[in-house]
Amino acid sequence: MTQTVTPDEGTVASSRSEFRRGWPTLVFSTIGAGVGLSALGYILGTLVVPLQEEFGWGRGEINLASLVSSLGLAAALPFVGRFLDRFGVKRVALVSIPLFVIMLILVSTLTSSLATFLAFYALAGLLGAGTSAVTYSKAVIDKFDKRRGIALGIVAGGLGTAGLLLPPLMGIVIAGSGWRAAYLTMAVLAALPFVLVFFARLSTPAAVAAVDRSTLPGLTIRTAVRRREFWSLCVVFFLLGWALLTMVPHFVPLLIDSGVDPVQAAFLSSLVGVGTVIARPVIGWLFDRFYATYVAVPLFIAAALGCLLLLWAGPAAAPLTALLIGIGFGAEIDLMSYLSSRYFGPRAFGALYSIVYSLFMIGSAFGPVMAGFAFDANGSYTVPLILAASMMGVAAVVLLTLPRFQRTAAS
């Protein structure tokens, strides 16, 4: 007698099969995202005051590190995206991870002036571009479809975990051994994915090269740049990158200015990571069941209100604001990769997503830098907070005007 499998049962079985096949890739991508290039944004806040004390640099000058690393990343990502499409994740990771580790060691050992400090950050962005979330999102999208939302949410949670754990860890390291030891510690952590890549069950370069990409569904680069969806995503995630990352590296200095102990300030700053860690898997799960834009937009509005709350209530509101920004940031990274995969398809995903992500990184770099210079000029974060809240509102409106994509049913 033939057993009948209902569509729902078949979908659930397919989803479970995705996790059985893809969990090594998921582990590799989650850890890699957490300790890759993006983690530099989390640890910079704990380094601002020590660098100020040793070298006398301004906060705006120090936060130029985020800008130059993001510009390096933006310059490299279009090439990295094409390499991912052509050669696969494994080859890109095996080259980029060691280069990123070397740059961290050089920052620790050779920094003696602002020029060398910024040069090493620029090179870290350029040479470490293959350790960005683009690489790890590509690995997951190649393995997951029915449960793509939650899989991407778990990977994005790796970044949230970095935001939760790295600031207090670096605060302890700096208090005990100085800021140079913090970069060496980060170098050790950044080397972990190089070992994991050999167990991640990634497609081999030969197998990737053998695929005729013209037969894959989705947009070509030429078609995508003529469509509104591509440019809308570029604008939205540039604005969200600027807005949500504006205050992340400034939380610790802001709290220290208000009289909070530096180590305690680092722990309070880690609440951004708490919000992100909690939000990302849950948001990814919701993306698989509901229209993703309608899930994410209310969270961005809440994060905008969190910025205004910090402005109105001062440092006393920092814990709640950190949680709201963390939740909004959790929605942002997950939404960026998810919408890109649904609107662009697999045909040129690496190349197209790398462009969107590079604009996000440029925005996320300009936000903290402009906030730093605004503080240096006015002794206040009022203008950056109002600007961040406004940008999130504009991004939410643009997202709501995008045409609907075809959602893959998860159950």
Foldseek 3Di string as FASTA:
>chain_A
DDDDDDPQNVLQVVQVVLCVVQVLLLVLLQLLQQLAPVLVLLALLLCQVLCCVPAVDFQLLSLVLLQLLLVLLLVAQLVVLVCCLQQNLLVLCLQQLVQLLVLLLCLLPPDDDSVSNSVSSNSNSNSNSSSHSLSSLSQLVVRDDLLSLLSLLSSLLSNLVSLQPLLLVQNVCCVPPRNSVSSNVSSVSSCVSSVSSVVRPIDGRVVSNPDPLVPFDFDDPVVLVVDPLLVLLLLLLLLLLLQLLLCLSVQQVQVVVVPDDNSVSSNLSSLLSVLLNVQRSVLSVVVSADPNLVSQLVLLLQLLVLLVCCVVVPPVSSNVNSNSSSNNVNSSSSVLSVSLCQRGPDSSSSSSSSNSVSSSSNSNSVSNSVQSVVCVVPVDSVVSSNSSSVSSVVSSVSSVPDDGTDRDHSD
